[in-house]
Amino acid sequence: MDTKTLGISGETTAAAYLESRGFRILHRNLHIGHAEIDLVAETDIFLVFAEVKTRRQIPGSSAPFGTPAEAVDAKKQAILVRAAEAYLAEHAPDKFFRIDVIEVYADPKVPDYRVLDVRHFENAVRKTGKFSRKSTYNL
C-alpha cells in the first residue's frame, strides 16, 4: 500500500471515528487557497477542523519519525489556523471552532490496511501555534 492510499484510508477511518461520536462530516480534503484541511466536521456546538496523520506503526512504539501527531509542526499548524480562519470568515463566522489532530495507527505487519488504534487530540492546534496533547481519546 503506497503512502497516498494509506493516507486516504486513514482519513476514511478518522471520518468514521468522528461520525461514531456524533459528528457530521461537512468536507473531506477541503482546499482553501494553498492549504488543505483533511476533515471539516460539526457538532451542535463546534465546527471542527481535523488534521489526520496515519502511520504504519505499532501505537506506543518508538519510531524514527516520532508519533503521527508530531508531524504537525509549527509551519503546518500556522497553515491550519489560517485555513480555518478563512473558512470561518466565509461560511460560519459565529460558530465556535477548534482544530483537532487525529492519529491513525495501521498494522505494519500486514500488507493490507488494518487499523490498530485511533487517537484524537481535541483542540490540539491553537492560534498560538502550540500543539496540545491535553484531550486524548483512544479508539
N, C-alpha and C. Protein backbone atom coordinates (compact mmCIF):
# COMPACT_ATOMS: atom_id res chain seq x y z
N MET A 1 0.86 -1.18 0.00
CA MET A 1 0.00 0.00 0.00
C MET A 1 0.90 1.23 0.00
N ASP A 2 0.71 2.11 -0.98
CA ASP A 2 1.52 3.33 -1.05
C ASP A 2 1.04 4.37 -0.03
N THR A 3 1.85 5.41 0.16
CA THR A 3 1.53 6.39 1.21
C THR A 3 0.25 7.16 0.92
N LYS A 4 -0.03 7.43 -0.35
CA LYS A 4 -1.26 8.15 -0.68
C LYS A 4 -2.49 7.32 -0.32
N THR A 5 -2.47 6.06 -0.68
CA THR A 5 -3.58 5.16 -0.36
C THR A 5 -3.71 5.00 1.15
N LEU A 6 -2.58 4.91 1.85
CA LEU A 6 -2.59 4.83 3.30
C LEU A 6 -3.24 6.07 3.90
N GLY A 7 -2.88 7.25 3.40
CA GLY A 7 -3.45 8.50 3.89
C GLY A 7 -4.95 8.57 3.67
N ILE A 8 -5.40 8.17 2.49
CA ILE A 8 -6.84 8.17 2.19
C ILE A 8 -7.57 7.21 3.12
N SER A 9 -6.99 6.03 3.34
CA SER A 9 -7.60 5.05 4.24
C SER A 9 -7.67 5.60 5.66
N GLY A 10 -6.62 6.29 6.08
CA GLY A 10 -6.61 6.89 7.41
C GLY A 10 -7.68 7.96 7.56
N GLU A 11 -7.86 8.79 6.53
CA GLU A 11 -8.89 9.82 6.57
C GLU A 11 -10.29 9.20 6.62
N THR A 12 -10.49 8.12 5.90
CA THR A 12 -11.77 7.41 5.94
C THR A 12 -12.02 6.86 7.34
N THR A 13 -10.98 6.30 7.95
CA THR A 13 -11.09 5.78 9.32
C THR A 13 -11.41 6.92 10.29
N ALA A 14 -10.72 8.04 10.15
CA ALA A 14 -10.94 9.18 11.05
C ALA A 14 -12.35 9.74 10.89
N ALA A 15 -12.84 9.81 9.66
CA ALA A 15 -14.21 10.29 9.42
C ALA A 15 -15.22 9.36 10.09
N ALA A 16 -15.04 8.05 9.95
CA ALA A 16 -15.94 7.09 10.58
C ALA A 16 -15.87 7.20 12.11
N TYR A 17 -14.67 7.40 12.62
CA TYR A 17 -14.48 7.59 14.06
C TYR A 17 -15.27 8.80 14.55
N LEU A 18 -15.13 9.93 13.86
CA LEU A 18 -15.86 11.15 14.26
C LEU A 18 -17.38 10.94 14.17
N GLU A 19 -17.82 10.32 13.08
CA GLU A 19 -19.26 10.07 12.92
C GLU A 19 -19.80 9.18 14.03
N SER A 20 -18.99 8.21 14.47
CA SER A 20 -19.44 7.32 15.55
C SER A 20 -19.57 8.06 16.88
N ARG A 21 -18.99 9.25 16.95
CA ARG A 21 -19.07 10.07 18.15
C ARG A 21 -20.01 11.26 17.97
N GLY A 22 -20.85 11.19 16.94
CA GLY A 22 -21.89 12.19 16.78
C GLY A 22 -21.55 13.39 15.91
N PHE A 23 -20.40 13.38 15.27
CA PHE A 23 -20.03 14.48 14.37
C PHE A 23 -20.68 14.28 13.01
N ARG A 24 -20.95 15.37 12.33
CA ARG A 24 -21.39 15.34 10.94
C ARG A 24 -20.22 15.81 10.09
N ILE A 25 -19.82 15.01 9.12
CA ILE A 25 -18.71 15.38 8.24
C ILE A 25 -19.25 16.32 7.17
N LEU A 26 -18.68 17.51 7.10
CA LEU A 26 -19.10 18.51 6.12
C LEU A 26 -18.24 18.49 4.87
N HIS A 27 -16.93 18.30 5.06
CA HIS A 27 -15.99 18.31 3.93
C HIS A 27 -14.85 17.33 4.20
N ARG A 28 -14.35 16.77 3.11
CA ARG A 28 -13.12 15.98 3.15
C ARG A 28 -12.16 16.60 2.16
N ASN A 29 -10.92 16.71 2.55
CA ASN A 29 -9.86 17.28 1.70
C ASN A 29 -10.28 18.62 1.11
N LEU A 30 -10.67 19.51 1.98
CA LEU A 30 -11.12 20.84 1.58
C LEU A 30 -9.91 21.73 1.30
N HIS A 31 -9.86 22.30 0.10
CA HIS A 31 -8.78 23.20 -0.29
C HIS A 31 -9.21 24.64 -0.09
N ILE A 32 -8.40 25.38 0.67
CA ILE A 32 -8.62 26.80 0.89
C ILE A 32 -7.31 27.48 0.54
N GLY A 33 -7.29 28.15 -0.60
CA GLY A 33 -6.02 28.70 -1.07
C GLY A 33 -5.05 27.57 -1.33
N HIS A 34 -3.86 27.66 -0.73
CA HIS A 34 -2.85 26.61 -0.90
C HIS A 34 -2.91 25.57 0.21
N ALA A 35 -3.83 25.74 1.14
CA ALA A 35 -3.94 24.83 2.28
C ALA A 35 -5.00 23.76 2.02
N GLU A 36 -4.82 22.64 2.69
CA GLU A 36 -5.83 21.58 2.65
C GLU A 36 -6.18 21.19 4.07
N ILE A 37 -7.46 21.10 4.33
CA ILE A 37 -7.95 20.61 5.62
C ILE A 37 -8.51 19.22 5.36
N ASP A 38 -7.99 18.23 6.10
CA ASP A 38 -8.39 16.84 5.86
C ASP A 38 -9.87 16.62 6.08
N LEU A 39 -10.38 17.06 7.23
CA LEU A 39 -11.80 16.88 7.55
C LEU A 39 -12.35 18.14 8.20
N VAL A 40 -13.56 18.51 7.80
CA VAL A 40 -14.31 19.55 8.49
C VAL A 40 -15.58 18.87 8.97
N ALA A 41 -15.80 18.93 10.27
CA ALA A 41 -16.96 18.26 10.87
C ALA A 41 -17.63 19.21 11.85
N GLU A 42 -18.86 18.87 12.23
CA GLU A 42 -19.54 19.73 13.20
C GLU A 42 -20.35 18.91 14.18
N THR A 43 -20.54 19.52 15.32
CA THR A 43 -21.49 19.05 16.32
C THR A 43 -22.48 20.19 16.50
N ASP A 44 -23.37 20.07 17.44
CA ASP A 44 -24.29 21.17 17.70
C ASP A 44 -23.56 22.40 18.22
N ILE A 45 -22.39 22.18 18.81
CA ILE A 45 -21.66 23.27 19.45
C ILE A 45 -20.46 23.74 18.62
N PHE A 46 -19.68 22.80 18.10
CA PHE A 46 -18.40 23.12 17.47
C PHE A 46 -18.34 22.83 15.98
N LEU A 47 -17.53 23.62 15.31
CA LEU A 47 -17.06 23.31 13.98
C LEU A 47 -15.63 22.83 14.20
N VAL A 48 -15.31 21.65 13.71
CA VAL A 48 -14.02 21.03 13.96
C VAL A 48 -13.26 20.86 12.65
N PHE A 49 -12.04 21.36 12.64
CA PHE A 49 -11.12 21.16 11.53
C PHE A 49 -10.14 20.09 12.00
N ALA A 50 -10.06 18.98 11.29
CA ALA A 50 -9.23 17.87 11.75
C ALA A 50 -8.10 17.59 10.77
N GLU A 51 -6.90 17.52 11.31
CA GLU A 51 -5.72 17.09 10.57
C GLU A 51 -5.51 15.62 10.92
N VAL A 52 -5.46 14.77 9.90
CA VAL A 52 -5.34 13.33 10.11
C VAL A 52 -3.94 12.89 9.71
N LYS A 53 -3.29 12.17 10.59
CA LYS A 53 -1.95 11.64 10.33
C LYS A 53 -2.00 10.13 10.53
N THR A 54 -1.63 9.39 9.49
CA THR A 54 -1.70 7.93 9.51
C THR A 54 -0.29 7.37 9.36
N ARG A 55 0.02 6.37 10.18
CA ARG A 55 1.32 5.70 10.11
C ARG A 55 1.13 4.20 10.22
N ARG A 56 1.99 3.49 9.52
CA ARG A 56 2.09 2.04 9.71
C ARG A 56 3.06 1.87 10.87
N GLN A 57 2.51 1.79 12.06
CA GLN A 57 3.33 1.81 13.26
C GLN A 57 2.53 1.20 14.41
N ILE A 58 3.21 0.51 15.29
CA ILE A 58 2.57 -0.01 16.50
C ILE A 58 2.40 1.16 17.47
N PRO A 59 1.18 1.41 17.97
CA PRO A 59 0.99 2.51 18.92
C PRO A 59 1.93 2.38 20.13
N GLY A 60 2.57 3.48 20.48
CA GLY A 60 3.45 3.49 21.63
C GLY A 60 4.87 3.05 21.34
N SER A 61 5.12 2.56 20.13
CA SER A 61 6.48 2.13 19.79
C SER A 61 7.31 3.34 19.40
N SER A 62 8.61 3.21 19.58
CA SER A 62 9.48 4.31 19.14
C SER A 62 9.66 4.17 17.63
N ALA A 63 9.57 5.28 16.96
CA ALA A 63 9.70 5.29 15.51
C ALA A 63 10.66 6.41 15.13
N PRO A 64 11.37 6.24 14.03
CA PRO A 64 12.35 7.26 13.64
C PRO A 64 11.74 8.63 13.39
N PHE A 65 10.47 8.67 13.04
CA PHE A 65 9.82 9.95 12.74
C PHE A 65 8.90 10.42 13.85
N GLY A 66 8.87 9.73 14.98
CA GLY A 66 8.01 10.11 16.09
C GLY A 66 6.58 9.65 15.87
N THR A 67 5.68 10.19 16.68
CA THR A 67 4.27 9.83 16.55
C THR A 67 3.68 10.56 15.35
N PRO A 68 2.56 10.09 14.85
CA PRO A 68 1.92 10.80 13.74
C PRO A 68 1.64 12.27 14.06
N ALA A 69 1.15 12.56 15.25
CA ALA A 69 0.81 13.94 15.61
C ALA A 69 2.02 14.85 15.64
N GLU A 70 3.18 14.30 15.93
CA GLU A 70 4.39 15.11 15.96
C GLU A 70 4.76 15.64 14.57
N ALA A 71 4.18 15.08 13.54
CA ALA A 71 4.40 15.57 12.18
C ALA A 71 3.67 16.89 11.91
N VAL A 72 2.76 17.26 12.81
CA VAL A 72 2.04 18.53 12.68
C VAL A 72 2.92 19.60 13.34
N ASP A 73 3.90 20.04 12.57
CA ASP A 73 4.88 21.00 13.09
C ASP A 73 4.32 22.43 13.10
N ALA A 74 5.12 23.36 13.56
CA ALA A 74 4.67 24.76 13.69
C ALA A 74 4.21 25.34 12.36
N LYS A 75 4.91 25.01 11.29
CA LYS A 75 4.53 25.53 9.97
C LYS A 75 3.15 25.00 9.57
N LYS A 76 2.92 23.69 9.75
CA LYS A 76 1.63 23.09 9.41
C LYS A 76 0.53 23.66 10.30
N GLN A 77 0.83 23.88 11.58
CA GLN A 77 -0.16 24.45 12.49
C GLN A 77 -0.57 25.85 12.04
N ALA A 78 0.39 26.66 11.63
CA ALA A 78 0.07 28.02 11.16
C ALA A 78 -0.81 27.96 9.92
N ILE A 79 -0.52 27.03 9.02
CA ILE A 79 -1.33 26.87 7.81
C ILE A 79 -2.75 26.46 8.18
N LEU A 80 -2.89 25.54 9.12
CA LEU A 80 -4.22 25.10 9.56
C LEU A 80 -5.02 26.24 10.19
N VAL A 81 -4.36 27.05 11.00
CA VAL A 81 -5.04 28.18 11.65
C VAL A 81 -5.53 29.17 10.59
N ARG A 82 -4.67 29.51 9.63
CA ARG A 82 -5.07 30.45 8.57
C ARG A 82 -6.22 29.89 7.73
N ALA A 83 -6.15 28.61 7.40
CA ALA A 83 -7.22 28.00 6.59
C ALA A 83 -8.54 27.97 7.37
N ALA A 84 -8.47 27.64 8.65
CA ALA A 84 -9.69 27.62 9.48
C ALA A 84 -10.30 29.00 9.57
N GLU A 85 -9.46 30.00 9.79
CA GLU A 85 -9.97 31.37 9.88
C GLU A 85 -10.60 31.82 8.57
N ALA A 86 -10.01 31.46 7.45
CA ALA A 86 -10.57 31.81 6.14
C ALA A 86 -11.92 31.13 5.93
N TYR A 87 -12.01 29.87 6.29
CA TYR A 87 -13.27 29.14 6.17
C TYR A 87 -14.34 29.78 7.04
N LEU A 88 -14.00 30.07 8.27
CA LEU A 88 -14.96 30.66 9.20
C LEU A 88 -15.45 32.02 8.71
N ALA A 89 -14.56 32.84 8.20
CA ALA A 89 -14.94 34.17 7.73
C ALA A 89 -15.98 34.09 6.63
N GLU A 90 -15.89 33.06 5.80
CA GLU A 90 -16.81 32.95 4.68
C GLU A 90 -18.07 32.13 4.99
N HIS A 91 -17.94 31.10 5.82
CA HIS A 91 -19.04 30.15 5.99
C HIS A 91 -19.72 30.13 7.35
N ALA A 92 -18.99 30.43 8.41
CA ALA A 92 -19.58 30.25 9.74
C ALA A 92 -18.95 31.21 10.74
N PRO A 93 -19.13 32.50 10.55
CA PRO A 93 -18.43 33.46 11.40
C PRO A 93 -18.83 33.41 12.88
N ASP A 94 -20.01 32.88 13.19
CA ASP A 94 -20.48 32.87 14.57
C ASP A 94 -20.31 31.53 15.27
N LYS A 95 -19.72 30.57 14.60
CA LYS A 95 -19.58 29.21 15.14
C LYS A 95 -18.31 29.09 15.99
N PHE A 96 -18.40 28.41 17.12
CA PHE A 96 -17.21 28.07 17.89
C PHE A 96 -16.44 27.03 17.10
N PHE A 97 -15.12 27.10 17.14
CA PHE A 97 -14.35 26.12 16.39
C PHE A 97 -13.13 25.67 17.17
N ARG A 98 -12.59 24.56 16.70
CA ARG A 98 -11.32 24.07 17.22
C ARG A 98 -10.62 23.29 16.11
N ILE A 99 -9.33 23.11 16.29
CA ILE A 99 -8.54 22.33 15.35
C ILE A 99 -8.01 21.11 16.09
N ASP A 100 -8.43 19.94 15.63
CA ASP A 100 -8.04 18.68 16.26
C ASP A 100 -7.00 17.96 15.40
N VAL A 101 -6.27 17.07 16.02
CA VAL A 101 -5.37 16.17 15.31
C VAL A 101 -5.81 14.75 15.63
N ILE A 102 -5.92 13.94 14.58
CA ILE A 102 -6.31 12.54 14.75
C ILE A 102 -5.19 11.66 14.21
N GLU A 103 -4.68 10.80 15.08
CA GLU A 103 -3.66 9.83 14.69
C GLU A 103 -4.36 8.52 14.36
N VAL A 104 -3.96 7.91 13.24
CA VAL A 104 -4.46 6.58 12.89
C VAL A 104 -3.23 5.68 12.77
N TYR A 105 -3.25 4.61 13.54
CA TYR A 105 -2.16 3.64 13.51
C TYR A 105 -2.62 2.41 12.73
N ALA A 106 -1.89 2.09 11.67
CA ALA A 106 -2.18 0.91 10.86
C ALA A 106 -1.11 -0.15 11.13
N ASP A 107 -1.52 -1.39 11.08
CA ASP A 107 -0.62 -2.50 11.38
C ASP A 107 0.50 -2.58 10.34
N PRO A 108 1.76 -2.47 10.78
CA PRO A 108 2.88 -2.54 9.83
C PRO A 108 3.23 -3.97 9.43
N LYS A 109 2.61 -4.95 10.09
CA LYS A 109 2.98 -6.34 9.85
C LYS A 109 2.14 -7.03 8.79
N VAL A 110 1.10 -6.36 8.33
CA VAL A 110 0.25 -6.96 7.31
C VAL A 110 0.27 -6.07 6.06
N PRO A 111 0.22 -6.67 4.88
CA PRO A 111 0.30 -5.85 3.66
C PRO A 111 -0.93 -4.99 3.39
N ASP A 112 -2.09 -5.43 3.86
CA ASP A 112 -3.29 -4.63 3.63
C ASP A 112 -3.46 -3.63 4.78
N TYR A 113 -4.54 -2.90 4.74
CA TYR A 113 -4.78 -1.85 5.74
C TYR A 113 -5.60 -2.41 6.88
N ARG A 114 -5.02 -2.41 8.08
CA ARG A 114 -5.74 -2.84 9.27
C ARG A 114 -5.45 -1.85 10.39
N VAL A 115 -6.50 -1.24 10.93
CA VAL A 115 -6.35 -0.23 11.97
C VAL A 115 -6.05 -0.89 13.31
N LEU A 116 -5.04 -0.36 13.98
CA LEU A 116 -4.71 -0.81 15.33
C LEU A 116 -5.29 0.13 16.38
N ASP A 117 -5.27 1.43 16.09
CA ASP A 117 -5.72 2.42 17.08
C ASP A 117 -5.99 3.75 16.40
N VAL A 118 -6.88 4.52 17.00
CA VAL A 118 -7.16 5.89 16.60
C VAL A 118 -7.02 6.73 17.85
N ARG A 119 -6.25 7.82 17.75
CA ARG A 119 -6.07 8.72 18.90
C ARG A 119 -6.48 10.12 18.48
N HIS A 120 -7.32 10.72 19.28
CA HIS A 120 -7.94 12.00 18.93
C HIS A 120 -7.50 13.06 19.94
N PHE A 121 -6.87 14.09 19.46
CA PHE A 121 -6.42 15.19 20.30
C PHE A 121 -7.30 16.40 20.00
N GLU A 122 -8.23 16.69 20.91
CA GLU A 122 -9.14 17.82 20.71
C GLU A 122 -8.41 19.13 20.98
N ASN A 123 -8.74 20.14 20.16
CA ASN A 123 -8.19 21.48 20.33
C ASN A 123 -6.66 21.44 20.41
N ALA A 124 -6.08 20.58 19.59
CA ALA A 124 -4.63 20.34 19.63
C ALA A 124 -3.83 21.49 19.05
N VAL A 125 -4.39 22.18 18.07
CA VAL A 125 -3.69 23.30 17.44
C VAL A 125 -4.38 24.58 17.86
N ARG A 126 -3.61 25.46 18.40
CA ARG A 126 -4.17 26.74 18.86
C ARG A 126 -3.54 27.86 18.07
N LYS A 127 -4.17 29.00 18.10
CA LYS A 127 -3.67 30.14 17.34
C LYS A 127 -2.25 30.54 17.76
N THR A 128 -1.87 30.19 18.97
CA THR A 128 -0.53 30.49 19.45
C THR A 128 0.51 29.64 18.73
N GLY A 129 0.06 28.60 18.03
CA GLY A 129 0.99 27.72 17.34
C GLY A 129 1.56 26.63 18.23
N LYS A 130 0.97 26.44 19.40
CA LYS A 130 1.44 25.39 20.30
C LYS A 130 0.54 24.18 20.20
N PHE A 131 1.17 23.04 20.08
CA PHE A 131 0.43 21.78 20.00
C PHE A 131 0.09 21.31 21.40
N SER A 132 -1.13 20.89 21.61
CA SER A 132 -1.56 20.43 22.93
C SER A 132 -1.99 18.98 22.84
N ARG A 133 -1.52 18.18 23.77
CA ARG A 133 -1.95 16.78 23.86
C ARG A 133 -2.93 16.59 25.00
N LYS A 134 -3.55 17.67 25.45
CA LYS A 134 -4.39 17.65 26.65
C LYS A 134 -5.56 16.68 26.55
N SER A 135 -6.40 16.82 25.57
CA SER A 135 -7.59 15.97 25.47
C SER A 135 -7.31 14.84 24.50
N THR A 136 -7.12 13.66 25.02
CA THR A 136 -6.80 12.50 24.20
C THR A 136 -7.86 11.44 24.36
N TYR A 137 -8.36 10.95 23.26
CA TYR A 137 -9.31 9.86 23.26
C TYR A 137 -8.78 8.77 22.37
N ASN A 138 -8.81 7.56 22.84
CA ASN A 138 -8.35 6.43 22.04
C ASN A 138 -9.54 5.62 21.57
N LEU A 139 -9.34 4.89 20.51
CA LEU A 139 -10.36 4.02 19.95
C LEU A 139 -10.66 2.91 20.92
